[in-house]
Each structure stands twice: as C-alpha cells, then as structure tokens.
C-alpha cells in the first residue's frame, strides 16, 4: 500500500509538471515558457560543498509546490550522508552520477548512473554522492519545500567554522 501511494504521488507530480510549462520564477497555466541551457543561472548553494552549483529551473524550492532544479558537481567532490524530507526524482543530464544509500559514506555502496538514467529517491532516505569519475549534472524534480539535513552536523558546509555541541 505504501509503495502504491508513493507511486501515485510521483505520477501526479510528473503529470502536473508536464501540463504546466513554467519559468523559474513561477508556475503559470497561461503561457508556454522555455529554458535554454545557455540561460540557466548557476549559483552556490550553502548546503553544498563550495565547488558545487545549483540552478532553479521551475517553481520555488522554498515553497510547498513542484520544483525542478539542476545540480552540477565537479570531479572528486563528495556530498556526505544526508537526507531530504521530500521525495525526489533525479535525471542524469551529463557525467556519471554516483549515489549510495546509507548513514555512513561507503564507496562500495555507490551505484553508477550514466546520462539519461532516472533515480527515484524516497524522502528521508540517508544517502551520499561522489563525483568519482568526473563532474556530473543532475536534474531534480520534487514537491517542496526543498530540505537537506546532514546526518553528521560537522559534514554540513553551513556549519563550517561554527562550534557544534
């Protein structure tokens, strides 16, 4: 039953996204809008290592609404074990996306996904990423708000330089 409800939620989210072409700023039913790769605005994301970049394509990830973001991670960068409260669908755009499931980083648990692959990650699943064989870019589709919590607060880039008790 739980898997059925999860699948229905994912199908509904995709159906909503595919019938509502939008801009990065808002969801609109009244007009076609498009995003070309050369117009994507990349920026640092405080919850990622400083070399990684994020671009918001559709929606507002801070709100309870569908969103689509892209994540670009350069070679050898690791995102240590963390969770997201929202269910996520990753589509690999370029490079090889390595993701492992677990509460501790273990390169033996990494699975490689080449461009074109789709990975469905249920919310609150502890996982980690490594740009093991070069940089990668993924597109994440989800229903917000976007959240990220590192299992070890010392691994969270937002806590660098802070005293954690």
N, C-alpha and C. Protein backbone atom coordinates (compact mmCIF):
# COMPACT_ATOMS: atom_id res chain seq x y z
N UNK A 1 0.82 -1.19 0.00
CA UNK A 1 0.00 0.00 0.00
C UNK A 1 0.87 1.26 0.00
N UNK A 2 1.94 1.27 0.84
CA UNK A 2 2.80 2.43 0.94
C UNK A 2 3.48 2.71 -0.41
N UNK A 3 3.96 1.63 -1.09
CA UNK A 3 4.61 1.81 -2.40
C UNK A 3 3.61 2.33 -3.43
N UNK A 4 2.37 1.85 -3.36
CA UNK A 4 1.34 2.31 -4.29
C UNK A 4 1.09 3.80 -4.11
N UNK A 5 0.93 4.26 -2.87
CA UNK A 5 0.71 5.68 -2.61
C UNK A 5 1.89 6.52 -3.07
N UNK A 6 3.11 6.04 -2.85
CA UNK A 6 4.31 6.75 -3.27
C UNK A 6 4.32 6.88 -4.80
N UNK A 7 4.03 5.78 -5.50
CA UNK A 7 4.00 5.79 -6.95
C UNK A 7 2.95 6.77 -7.47
N UNK A 8 1.77 6.76 -6.87
CA UNK A 8 0.70 7.68 -7.29
C UNK A 8 1.14 9.13 -7.10
N UNK A 9 1.80 9.42 -5.98
CA UNK A 9 2.30 10.77 -5.72
C UNK A 9 3.29 11.18 -6.81
N UNK A 10 4.22 10.29 -7.17
CA UNK A 10 5.20 10.61 -8.20
C UNK A 10 4.54 10.84 -9.55
N UNK A 11 3.59 9.98 -9.92
CA UNK A 11 2.89 10.13 -11.19
C UNK A 11 2.14 11.46 -11.24
N UNK A 12 1.45 11.79 -10.15
CA UNK A 12 0.71 13.06 -10.10
C UNK A 12 1.65 14.26 -10.21
N UNK A 13 2.79 14.20 -9.55
CA UNK A 13 3.76 15.29 -9.62
C UNK A 13 4.25 15.47 -11.06
N UNK A 14 4.60 14.36 -11.72
CA UNK A 14 5.06 14.47 -13.11
C UNK A 14 3.96 14.96 -14.03
N UNK A 15 2.75 14.47 -13.80
CA UNK A 15 1.63 14.93 -14.64
C UNK A 15 1.44 16.43 -14.48
N UNK A 16 1.53 16.91 -13.25
CA UNK A 16 1.37 18.34 -13.00
C UNK A 16 2.48 19.13 -13.68
N UNK A 17 3.72 18.66 -13.54
CA UNK A 17 4.84 19.38 -14.14
C UNK A 17 4.76 19.37 -15.66
N UNK A 18 4.34 18.26 -16.25
CA UNK A 18 4.31 18.19 -17.70
C UNK A 18 3.17 19.00 -18.31
N UNK A 19 2.11 19.27 -17.56
CA UNK A 19 1.00 20.05 -18.10
C UNK A 19 1.11 21.52 -17.75
N UNK A 20 2.08 21.89 -16.96
CA UNK A 20 2.24 23.28 -16.54
C UNK A 20 3.65 23.75 -16.89
N UNK A 21 3.87 24.14 -18.13
CA UNK A 21 5.17 24.66 -18.55
C UNK A 21 5.39 25.98 -17.82
N UNK A 22 6.55 26.15 -17.23
CA UNK A 22 6.73 27.29 -16.36
C UNK A 22 8.09 27.93 -16.49
N UNK A 23 8.22 29.08 -15.85
CA UNK A 23 9.52 29.73 -15.75
C UNK A 23 10.09 29.43 -14.38
N UNK A 24 11.34 29.80 -14.18
CA UNK A 24 11.97 29.55 -12.90
C UNK A 24 11.33 30.35 -11.78
N UNK A 25 10.64 31.41 -12.12
CA UNK A 25 10.08 32.28 -11.09
C UNK A 25 8.71 31.86 -10.59
N UNK A 26 7.90 31.26 -11.46
CA UNK A 26 6.54 30.94 -11.03
C UNK A 26 5.95 29.83 -11.87
N UNK A 27 4.86 29.28 -11.39
CA UNK A 27 4.11 28.29 -12.15
C UNK A 27 2.95 29.01 -12.80
N UNK A 28 2.81 28.86 -14.12
CA UNK A 28 1.76 29.57 -14.84
C UNK A 28 1.06 28.64 -15.81
N UNK A 29 -0.24 28.70 -15.85
CA UNK A 29 -1.02 27.88 -16.78
C UNK A 29 -1.34 28.61 -18.07
N UNK A 30 -0.98 29.87 -18.18
CA UNK A 30 -1.47 30.68 -19.28
C UNK A 30 -0.54 30.79 -20.48
N UNK A 31 0.69 30.39 -20.35
CA UNK A 31 1.59 30.58 -21.48
C UNK A 31 2.70 29.55 -21.48
N UNK A 32 3.17 29.27 -22.66
CA UNK A 32 4.31 28.38 -22.84
C UNK A 32 5.56 29.13 -22.44
N UNK A 33 6.42 28.48 -21.71
CA UNK A 33 7.69 29.11 -21.43
C UNK A 33 8.78 28.06 -21.59
N UNK A 34 9.98 28.50 -21.82
CA UNK A 34 11.06 27.57 -22.08
C UNK A 34 12.34 28.06 -21.43
N UNK A 35 13.26 27.12 -21.27
CA UNK A 35 14.54 27.42 -20.64
C UNK A 35 15.62 26.79 -21.50
N UNK A 36 16.50 27.60 -22.04
CA UNK A 36 17.61 27.10 -22.81
C UNK A 36 18.83 26.97 -21.91
N UNK A 37 19.65 25.96 -22.18
CA UNK A 37 20.81 25.68 -21.33
C UNK A 37 21.69 26.90 -21.12
N UNK A 38 21.86 27.69 -22.19
CA UNK A 38 22.74 28.87 -22.07
C UNK A 38 22.16 29.97 -21.17
N UNK A 39 20.87 29.87 -20.86
CA UNK A 39 20.24 30.88 -20.00
C UNK A 39 20.09 30.44 -18.54
N UNK A 40 20.56 29.24 -18.24
CA UNK A 40 20.45 28.76 -16.86
C UNK A 40 21.43 29.53 -15.98
N UNK A 41 20.92 30.01 -14.86
CA UNK A 41 21.75 30.78 -13.92
C UNK A 41 22.18 29.87 -12.77
N UNK A 42 23.46 29.59 -12.71
CA UNK A 42 24.03 28.72 -11.68
C UNK A 42 24.49 29.56 -10.51
N UNK A 43 24.35 29.02 -9.30
CA UNK A 43 24.85 29.73 -8.13
C UNK A 43 25.27 28.74 -7.06
N UNK A 44 26.04 29.25 -6.12
CA UNK A 44 26.44 28.43 -4.98
C UNK A 44 25.20 28.14 -4.14
N UNK A 45 25.21 27.03 -3.46
CA UNK A 45 24.12 26.64 -2.57
C UNK A 45 24.75 26.33 -1.23
N UNK A 46 24.42 27.09 -0.18
CA UNK A 46 25.13 26.97 1.10
C UNK A 46 25.19 25.55 1.68
N UNK A 47 24.23 24.70 1.36
CA UNK A 47 24.21 23.35 1.91
C UNK A 47 25.09 22.37 1.13
N UNK A 48 25.71 22.85 0.02
CA UNK A 48 26.60 22.01 -0.78
C UNK A 48 28.04 22.43 -0.55
N UNK A 49 28.99 21.53 -0.86
CA UNK A 49 30.38 21.96 -0.87
C UNK A 49 30.52 23.18 -1.79
N UNK A 50 31.46 24.08 -1.51
CA UNK A 50 31.54 25.36 -2.24
C UNK A 50 31.73 25.22 -3.75
N UNK A 51 32.29 24.11 -4.22
CA UNK A 51 32.53 23.95 -5.66
C UNK A 51 31.26 23.58 -6.43
N UNK A 52 30.27 23.01 -5.76
CA UNK A 52 29.03 22.56 -6.40
C UNK A 52 28.13 23.76 -6.71
N UNK A 53 27.27 23.59 -7.69
CA UNK A 53 26.36 24.66 -8.10
C UNK A 53 24.94 24.12 -8.25
N UNK A 54 23.97 25.03 -8.07
CA UNK A 54 22.56 24.71 -8.20
C UNK A 54 21.89 25.77 -9.06
N UNK A 55 20.92 25.35 -9.87
CA UNK A 55 20.13 26.28 -10.67
C UNK A 55 18.66 25.91 -10.51
N UNK A 56 17.85 26.89 -10.19
CA UNK A 56 16.40 26.67 -10.09
C UNK A 56 15.80 26.89 -11.47
N UNK A 57 15.13 25.88 -11.99
CA UNK A 57 14.52 25.98 -13.31
C UNK A 57 13.03 26.28 -13.24
N UNK A 58 12.33 25.57 -12.37
CA UNK A 58 10.88 25.70 -12.29
C UNK A 58 10.45 25.76 -10.83
N UNK A 59 9.53 26.66 -10.53
CA UNK A 59 8.97 26.75 -9.19
C UNK A 59 9.89 27.44 -8.19
N UNK A 60 9.49 27.38 -6.96
CA UNK A 60 10.25 27.95 -5.86
C UNK A 60 10.50 26.84 -4.85
N UNK A 61 11.73 26.32 -4.78
CA UNK A 61 12.03 25.20 -3.89
C UNK A 61 11.78 25.49 -2.40
N UNK A 62 11.61 26.77 -2.05
CA UNK A 62 11.34 27.12 -0.65
C UNK A 62 9.87 26.95 -0.29
N UNK A 63 9.02 26.76 -1.31
CA UNK A 63 7.58 26.69 -1.08
C UNK A 63 7.05 25.26 -1.26
N UNK A 64 5.86 25.04 -0.76
CA UNK A 64 5.18 23.75 -0.92
C UNK A 64 4.54 23.72 -2.31
N UNK A 65 5.38 23.45 -3.31
CA UNK A 65 4.93 23.38 -4.70
C UNK A 65 5.96 22.56 -5.48
N UNK A 66 5.59 22.10 -6.68
CA UNK A 66 6.56 21.37 -7.50
C UNK A 66 7.73 22.28 -7.87
N UNK A 67 8.90 21.69 -7.94
CA UNK A 67 10.07 22.43 -8.39
C UNK A 67 10.97 21.51 -9.19
N UNK A 68 11.80 22.14 -10.02
CA UNK A 68 12.83 21.43 -10.77
C UNK A 68 14.11 22.25 -10.63
N UNK A 69 15.17 21.59 -10.18
CA UNK A 69 16.48 22.23 -10.07
C UNK A 69 17.50 21.37 -10.79
N UNK A 70 18.61 21.98 -11.14
CA UNK A 70 19.75 21.22 -11.65
C UNK A 70 20.90 21.40 -10.67
N UNK A 71 21.66 20.34 -10.54
CA UNK A 71 22.82 20.33 -9.65
C UNK A 71 24.04 19.94 -10.47
N UNK A 72 25.09 20.73 -10.34
CA UNK A 72 26.34 20.48 -11.06
C UNK A 72 27.45 20.29 -10.02
N UNK A 73 28.10 19.14 -10.08
CA UNK A 73 29.13 18.82 -9.09
C UNK A 73 30.43 18.49 -9.84
N UNK A 74 31.53 19.21 -9.53
CA UNK A 74 32.80 18.95 -10.21
C UNK A 74 33.46 17.66 -9.71
N UNK A 75 34.40 17.20 -10.50
CA UNK A 75 35.14 15.97 -10.22
C UNK A 75 35.68 15.91 -8.80
N UNK A 76 35.55 14.74 -8.20
CA UNK A 76 36.08 14.39 -6.88
C UNK A 76 35.34 15.02 -5.71
N UNK A 77 34.30 15.78 -5.93
CA UNK A 77 33.54 16.37 -4.82
C UNK A 77 32.60 15.31 -4.24
N UNK A 78 32.55 15.27 -2.92
CA UNK A 78 31.70 14.32 -2.21
C UNK A 78 30.65 15.08 -1.42
N UNK A 79 29.40 14.64 -1.51
CA UNK A 79 28.34 15.12 -0.61
C UNK A 79 28.13 14.00 0.39
N UNK A 80 28.51 14.24 1.62
CA UNK A 80 28.48 13.22 2.67
C UNK A 80 27.04 12.87 3.04
N UNK A 81 26.83 11.80 3.82
CA UNK A 81 25.48 11.32 4.11
C UNK A 81 24.52 12.41 4.60
N UNK A 82 23.36 12.44 3.92
CA UNK A 82 22.34 13.44 4.22
C UNK A 82 20.98 12.88 3.82
N UNK A 83 19.94 13.60 4.18
CA UNK A 83 18.58 13.24 3.79
C UNK A 83 17.87 14.48 3.26
N UNK A 84 16.79 14.23 2.53
CA UNK A 84 15.88 15.28 2.08
C UNK A 84 14.49 14.86 2.54
N UNK A 85 13.68 15.76 3.07
CA UNK A 85 12.35 15.35 3.51
C UNK A 85 11.42 15.01 2.35
N UNK A 86 11.69 15.59 1.17
CA UNK A 86 10.82 15.38 0.03
C UNK A 86 11.27 14.18 -0.81
N UNK A 87 10.30 13.52 -1.45
CA UNK A 87 10.60 12.50 -2.45
C UNK A 87 11.24 13.21 -3.64
N UNK A 88 12.25 12.55 -4.24
CA UNK A 88 12.98 13.20 -5.34
C UNK A 88 13.12 12.27 -6.53
N UNK A 89 13.14 12.87 -7.70
CA UNK A 89 13.41 12.14 -8.93
C UNK A 89 14.61 12.82 -9.56
N UNK A 90 15.71 12.07 -9.68
CA UNK A 90 16.94 12.57 -10.29
C UNK A 90 17.00 12.07 -11.73
N UNK A 91 17.30 12.96 -12.67
CA UNK A 91 17.59 12.59 -14.04
C UNK A 91 19.02 13.01 -14.32
N UNK A 92 19.83 12.07 -14.77
CA UNK A 92 21.24 12.38 -15.03
C UNK A 92 21.33 13.06 -16.40
N UNK A 93 21.85 14.29 -16.39
CA UNK A 93 21.99 15.09 -17.60
C UNK A 93 23.34 14.81 -18.26
N UNK A 94 24.41 14.82 -17.47
CA UNK A 94 25.75 14.56 -18.02
C UNK A 94 26.64 13.97 -16.94
N UNK A 95 27.72 13.35 -17.39
CA UNK A 95 28.64 12.68 -16.47
C UNK A 95 28.01 11.42 -15.91
N UNK A 96 28.67 10.86 -14.92
CA UNK A 96 28.16 9.67 -14.24
C UNK A 96 27.82 10.07 -12.81
N UNK A 97 26.58 9.83 -12.43
CA UNK A 97 26.07 10.17 -11.10
C UNK A 97 26.24 8.94 -10.20
N UNK A 98 27.08 9.09 -9.18
CA UNK A 98 27.30 8.01 -8.21
C UNK A 98 26.52 8.35 -6.95
N UNK A 99 25.64 7.45 -6.54
CA UNK A 99 24.87 7.64 -5.32
C UNK A 99 24.89 6.34 -4.53
N UNK A 100 25.01 6.47 -3.22
CA UNK A 100 24.98 5.32 -2.33
C UNK A 100 23.96 5.55 -1.24
N UNK A 101 23.34 4.47 -0.79
CA UNK A 101 22.35 4.55 0.27
C UNK A 101 23.00 4.10 1.58
N UNK A 102 22.80 4.88 2.63
CA UNK A 102 23.35 4.51 3.93
C UNK A 102 23.66 5.72 4.77
N UNK A 103 23.88 5.46 6.05
CA UNK A 103 24.15 6.53 7.01
C UNK A 103 25.62 6.88 7.12
N UNK A 104 26.48 6.06 6.53
CA UNK A 104 27.91 6.34 6.52
C UNK A 104 28.41 6.25 5.08
N UNK A 105 29.35 7.14 4.72
CA UNK A 105 29.91 7.09 3.38
C UNK A 105 30.66 5.78 3.21
N UNK A 106 30.33 5.05 2.15
CA UNK A 106 30.96 3.77 1.84
C UNK A 106 31.00 3.66 0.32
N UNK A 107 32.20 3.81 -0.25
CA UNK A 107 32.28 3.80 -1.72
C UNK A 107 31.86 2.47 -2.31
N UNK A 108 31.86 1.39 -1.53
CA UNK A 108 31.39 0.09 -2.02
C UNK A 108 29.88 0.09 -2.25
N UNK A 109 29.16 1.04 -1.64
CA UNK A 109 27.71 1.12 -1.80
C UNK A 109 27.29 2.04 -2.94
N UNK A 110 28.25 2.71 -3.58
CA UNK A 110 27.93 3.61 -4.67
C UNK A 110 27.45 2.84 -5.89
N UNK A 111 26.43 3.37 -6.53
CA UNK A 111 25.94 2.82 -7.78
C UNK A 111 26.08 3.91 -8.84
N UNK A 112 26.58 3.54 -10.02
CA UNK A 112 26.83 4.49 -11.09
C UNK A 112 25.64 4.58 -12.03
N UNK A 113 25.22 5.81 -12.33
CA UNK A 113 24.13 6.06 -13.26
C UNK A 113 24.63 6.96 -14.38
N UNK A 114 24.64 6.46 -15.62
CA UNK A 114 25.11 7.26 -16.76
C UNK A 114 24.05 8.25 -17.22
N UNK A 115 24.41 9.16 -18.14
CA UNK A 115 23.44 10.13 -18.66
C UNK A 115 22.18 9.45 -19.18
N UNK A 116 21.05 10.08 -18.88
CA UNK A 116 19.75 9.55 -19.29
C UNK A 116 19.09 8.69 -18.23
N UNK A 117 19.85 8.29 -17.22
CA UNK A 117 19.28 7.46 -16.15
C UNK A 117 18.36 8.29 -15.27
N UNK A 118 17.40 7.60 -14.66
CA UNK A 118 16.47 8.23 -13.72
C UNK A 118 16.54 7.45 -12.42
N UNK A 119 16.68 8.19 -11.31
CA UNK A 119 16.76 7.59 -9.97
C UNK A 119 15.64 8.16 -9.13
N UNK A 120 14.85 7.30 -8.51
CA UNK A 120 13.77 7.73 -7.62
C UNK A 120 14.24 7.50 -6.20
N UNK A 121 14.27 8.58 -5.41
CA UNK A 121 14.75 8.51 -4.03
C UNK A 121 13.63 8.93 -3.09
N UNK A 122 13.12 8.01 -2.28
CA UNK A 122 12.08 8.38 -1.31
C UNK A 122 12.62 9.38 -0.29
N UNK A 123 11.75 10.25 0.19
CA UNK A 123 12.13 11.23 1.20
C UNK A 123 12.70 10.55 2.44
N UNK A 124 13.59 11.26 3.11
CA UNK A 124 14.21 10.82 4.37
C UNK A 124 15.08 9.58 4.23
N UNK A 125 15.55 9.29 3.01
CA UNK A 125 16.47 8.17 2.80
C UNK A 125 17.90 8.67 2.94
N UNK A 126 18.66 8.16 3.91
CA UNK A 126 20.07 8.58 4.03
C UNK A 126 20.86 8.14 2.79
N UNK A 127 21.59 9.07 2.21
CA UNK A 127 22.36 8.78 1.02
C UNK A 127 23.54 9.74 0.90
N UNK A 128 24.42 9.44 -0.08
CA UNK A 128 25.61 10.26 -0.32
C UNK A 128 25.92 10.20 -1.81
N UNK A 129 26.70 11.19 -2.27
CA UNK A 129 27.09 11.28 -3.69
C UNK A 129 28.60 11.48 -3.77
N UNK A 130 29.16 11.05 -4.90
CA UNK A 130 30.57 11.29 -5.16
C UNK A 130 30.75 11.47 -6.67
N UNK A 131 31.39 12.55 -7.05
CA UNK A 131 31.73 12.77 -8.46
C UNK A 131 33.02 11.99 -8.72
N UNK A 132 32.88 10.68 -8.66
CA UNK A 132 34.00 9.74 -8.66
C UNK A 132 34.78 9.71 -9.98
N UNK A 133 34.10 9.77 -11.10
CA UNK A 133 34.79 9.61 -12.39
C UNK A 133 34.78 10.89 -13.22
N UNK A 134 34.51 12.01 -12.58
CA UNK A 134 34.45 13.30 -13.28
C UNK A 134 33.21 14.05 -12.84
N UNK A 135 33.04 15.24 -13.38
CA UNK A 135 31.89 16.06 -12.98
C UNK A 135 30.60 15.42 -13.48
N UNK A 136 29.49 15.79 -12.83
CA UNK A 136 28.17 15.33 -13.28
C UNK A 136 27.16 16.45 -13.10
N UNK A 137 26.06 16.32 -13.84
CA UNK A 137 24.94 17.24 -13.70
C UNK A 137 23.67 16.41 -13.62
N UNK A 138 22.85 16.69 -12.62
CA UNK A 138 21.56 16.01 -12.48
C UNK A 138 20.46 17.05 -12.45
N UNK A 139 19.28 16.60 -12.81
CA UNK A 139 18.08 17.43 -12.68
C UNK A 139 17.20 16.76 -11.63
N UNK A 140 16.78 17.54 -10.65
CA UNK A 140 15.97 17.03 -9.55
C UNK A 140 14.56 17.59 -9.67
N UNK A 141 13.58 16.70 -9.68
CA UNK A 141 12.17 17.08 -9.69
C UNK A 141 11.57 16.63 -8.37
N UNK A 142 10.83 17.53 -7.72
CA UNK A 142 10.25 17.18 -6.43
C UNK A 142 9.13 18.16 -6.09
N UNK A 143 8.50 17.90 -4.98
CA UNK A 143 7.48 18.79 -4.44
C UNK A 143 8.06 19.35 -3.14
N UNK A 144 8.24 20.67 -3.09
CA UNK A 144 8.91 21.34 -1.98
C UNK A 144 8.10 21.41 -0.71
N UNK A 145 8.68 22.00 0.27
CA UNK A 145 9.94 22.73 0.20
C UNK A 145 11.16 21.80 0.20
N UNK A 146 12.20 22.25 -0.49
CA UNK A 146 13.46 21.54 -0.54
C UNK A 146 14.08 21.58 0.85
N UNK A 147 14.62 20.45 1.25
CA UNK A 147 15.31 20.40 2.53
C UNK A 147 16.52 19.49 2.41
N UNK A 148 17.53 19.75 3.22
CA UNK A 148 18.70 18.89 3.27
C UNK A 148 19.24 18.91 4.69
N UNK A 149 19.42 17.71 5.25
CA UNK A 149 19.96 17.56 6.61
C UNK A 149 21.08 16.53 6.57
N UNK A 150 22.26 16.95 6.96
CA UNK A 150 23.39 16.03 7.03
C UNK A 150 23.27 15.21 8.30
N UNK A 151 23.59 13.91 8.19
CA UNK A 151 23.49 13.03 9.35
C UNK A 151 24.46 13.46 10.44
N UNK A 152 25.66 13.89 10.04
CA UNK A 152 26.64 14.43 10.97
C UNK A 152 26.68 15.95 10.74
N UNK A 153 26.23 16.74 11.71
CA UNK A 153 26.22 18.20 11.52
C UNK A 153 27.58 18.78 11.13
N UNK A 154 28.67 18.10 11.49
CA UNK A 154 30.00 18.60 11.11
C UNK A 154 30.26 18.47 9.62
N UNK A 155 29.49 17.62 8.92
CA UNK A 155 29.64 17.46 7.47
C UNK A 155 28.90 18.54 6.68
N UNK A 156 28.05 19.29 7.34
CA UNK A 156 27.22 20.30 6.69
C UNK A 156 28.06 21.55 6.41
N UNK A 157 28.24 21.92 5.13
CA UNK A 157 29.03 23.11 4.81
C UNK A 157 28.51 24.38 5.48
N UNK A 158 27.23 24.42 5.82
CA UNK A 158 26.68 25.61 6.50
C UNK A 158 27.22 25.74 7.91
N UNK A 159 27.80 24.67 8.45
CA UNK A 159 28.32 24.70 9.82
C UNK A 159 29.83 24.89 9.88
N UNK A 160 30.49 25.04 8.74
CA UNK A 160 31.95 25.23 8.74
C UNK A 160 32.31 26.46 9.55
N UNK A 161 33.23 26.28 10.47
CA UNK A 161 33.67 27.39 11.31
C UNK A 161 32.81 27.60 12.54
N UNK A 162 31.70 26.88 12.65
CA UNK A 162 30.83 27.00 13.84
C UNK A 162 31.17 25.92 14.84
N UNK A 163 30.93 26.20 16.09
CA UNK A 163 31.09 25.20 17.14
C UNK A 163 29.81 24.39 17.22
N UNK A 164 29.93 23.08 17.05
CA UNK A 164 28.76 22.18 17.15
C UNK A 164 28.90 21.41 18.46
N UNK A 165 27.86 21.46 19.24
CA UNK A 165 27.89 20.75 20.52
C UNK A 165 27.10 19.48 20.44
